[in-house]
């Protein structure tokens, strides 16, 4: 996030900035899945305010598997089709 002052890491969140999520400009982020599906994330799905003057990217390092967490899922309805090994996303989840 060009031009945004960095802040110290917060717990497992290692990419943090000075300011609140509502005041920061965030680039477009899309998660691409096999089969051509894409999950387009807004700032609300990318940032978490950790205190009154710091916000962090809601991503943490992982050694093997990636997890699409609560913050990324908040504005979507998520359908898990375990039998067919598929996942689906639709707009309109919790806000």
Protein backbone atom coordinates (compact mmCIF):
# COMPACT_ATOMS: atom_id res chain seq x y z
CA UNK A 1 0.00 0.00 0.00
CA UNK A 2 2.18 2.69 -1.42
CA UNK A 3 2.60 5.82 0.65
CA UNK A 4 1.07 4.32 3.80
CA UNK A 5 3.22 4.43 6.94
CA UNK A 6 4.06 0.99 8.31
CA UNK A 7 3.37 0.05 11.94
CA UNK A 8 4.85 -2.70 14.11
CA UNK A 9 3.55 -6.24 13.68
CA UNK A 10 0.66 -7.31 15.90
CA UNK A 11 0.74 -10.92 17.09
CA UNK A 12 0.76 -13.15 13.96
CA UNK A 13 -0.24 -10.24 11.70
CA UNK A 14 3.09 -9.05 10.31
CA UNK A 15 2.01 -6.41 7.79
CA UNK A 16 0.51 -3.46 9.68
CA UNK A 17 -0.07 0.21 8.96
CA UNK A 18 -0.71 3.43 10.86
CA UNK A 19 -4.40 4.37 10.60
CA UNK A 20 -7.78 2.70 10.60
CA UNK A 21 -9.04 0.39 7.85
CA UNK A 22 -11.76 2.87 6.86
CA UNK A 23 -9.14 5.53 6.01
CA UNK A 24 -6.69 3.39 4.02
CA UNK A 25 -6.71 2.82 0.26
CA UNK A 26 -6.37 -0.85 -0.57
CA UNK A 27 -5.55 -2.35 -3.98
CA UNK A 28 -7.92 -4.86 -5.54
CA UNK A 29 -7.27 -8.41 -4.34
CA UNK A 30 -8.71 -11.54 -5.89
CA UNK A 31 -8.11 -15.16 -4.88
CA UNK A 32 -8.02 -17.41 -7.95
CA UNK A 33 -9.12 -21.04 -7.73
CA UNK A 34 -8.75 -23.95 -10.10
CA UNK A 35 -11.62 -24.16 -12.54
CA UNK A 36 -11.57 -20.39 -13.07
CA UNK A 37 -13.45 -19.26 -9.96
CA UNK A 38 -12.28 -16.03 -8.30
CA UNK A 39 -13.07 -14.51 -4.91
CA UNK A 40 -12.83 -10.71 -5.12
CA UNK A 41 -12.04 -9.21 -1.72
CA UNK A 42 -12.81 -5.67 -0.56
CA UNK A 43 -10.93 -3.69 2.10
CA UNK A 44 -13.36 -5.06 4.70
CA UNK A 45 -12.15 -8.58 3.82
CA UNK A 46 -8.47 -7.63 3.87
CA UNK A 47 -7.85 -5.39 6.89
CA UNK A 48 -8.45 -5.65 10.62
CA UNK A 49 -8.15 -2.75 13.07
CA UNK A 50 -6.03 -4.00 15.97
CA UNK A 51 -6.21 -0.81 18.03
CA UNK A 52 -7.28 2.82 17.63
CA UNK A 53 -4.29 3.73 15.45
CA UNK A 54 -3.20 0.52 13.73
CA UNK A 55 -4.66 -1.76 11.07
CA UNK A 56 -3.12 -4.95 9.70
CA UNK A 57 -3.56 -7.10 6.64
CA UNK A 58 -5.71 -10.02 7.75
CA UNK A 59 -3.23 -12.59 6.45
CA UNK A 60 -0.74 -14.64 8.44
CA UNK A 61 2.14 -16.80 7.25
CA UNK A 62 1.56 -20.56 7.04
CA UNK A 63 3.99 -23.39 6.35
CA UNK A 64 1.72 -25.63 4.29
CA UNK A 65 -2.01 -25.04 3.91
CA UNK A 66 -3.67 -21.70 3.30
CA UNK A 67 -6.84 -20.88 5.24
CA UNK A 68 -9.52 -18.49 4.04
CA UNK A 69 -10.38 -17.06 7.44
CA UNK A 70 -13.26 -15.27 9.10
CA UNK A 71 -12.24 -11.83 7.88
CA UNK A 72 -12.12 -12.94 4.24
CA UNK A 73 -15.49 -14.72 4.52
CA UNK A 74 -17.46 -11.97 6.32
CA UNK A 75 -19.31 -10.47 3.34
CA UNK A 76 -19.95 -13.78 1.59
CA UNK A 77 -22.21 -16.77 1.98
CA UNK A 78 -19.93 -19.81 1.83
CA UNK A 79 -21.07 -23.27 0.73
CA UNK A 80 -18.92 -26.32 1.47
CA UNK A 81 -19.64 -29.33 -0.76
CA UNK A 82 -17.46 -31.92 0.97
CA UNK A 83 -18.79 -34.85 -1.08
CA UNK A 84 -17.79 -33.21 -4.37
CA UNK A 85 -14.69 -31.53 -2.90
CA UNK A 86 -15.90 -28.03 -3.85
CA UNK A 87 -16.45 -24.67 -2.19
CA UNK A 88 -18.70 -21.85 -3.35
CA UNK A 89 -18.97 -18.15 -2.53
CA UNK A 90 -21.87 -15.74 -3.05
CA UNK A 91 -22.26 -12.09 -2.09
CA UNK A 92 -24.42 -11.26 0.90
CA UNK A 93 -22.95 -12.94 3.96
CA UNK A 94 -22.47 -11.41 7.40
CA UNK A 95 -21.28 -7.81 7.69
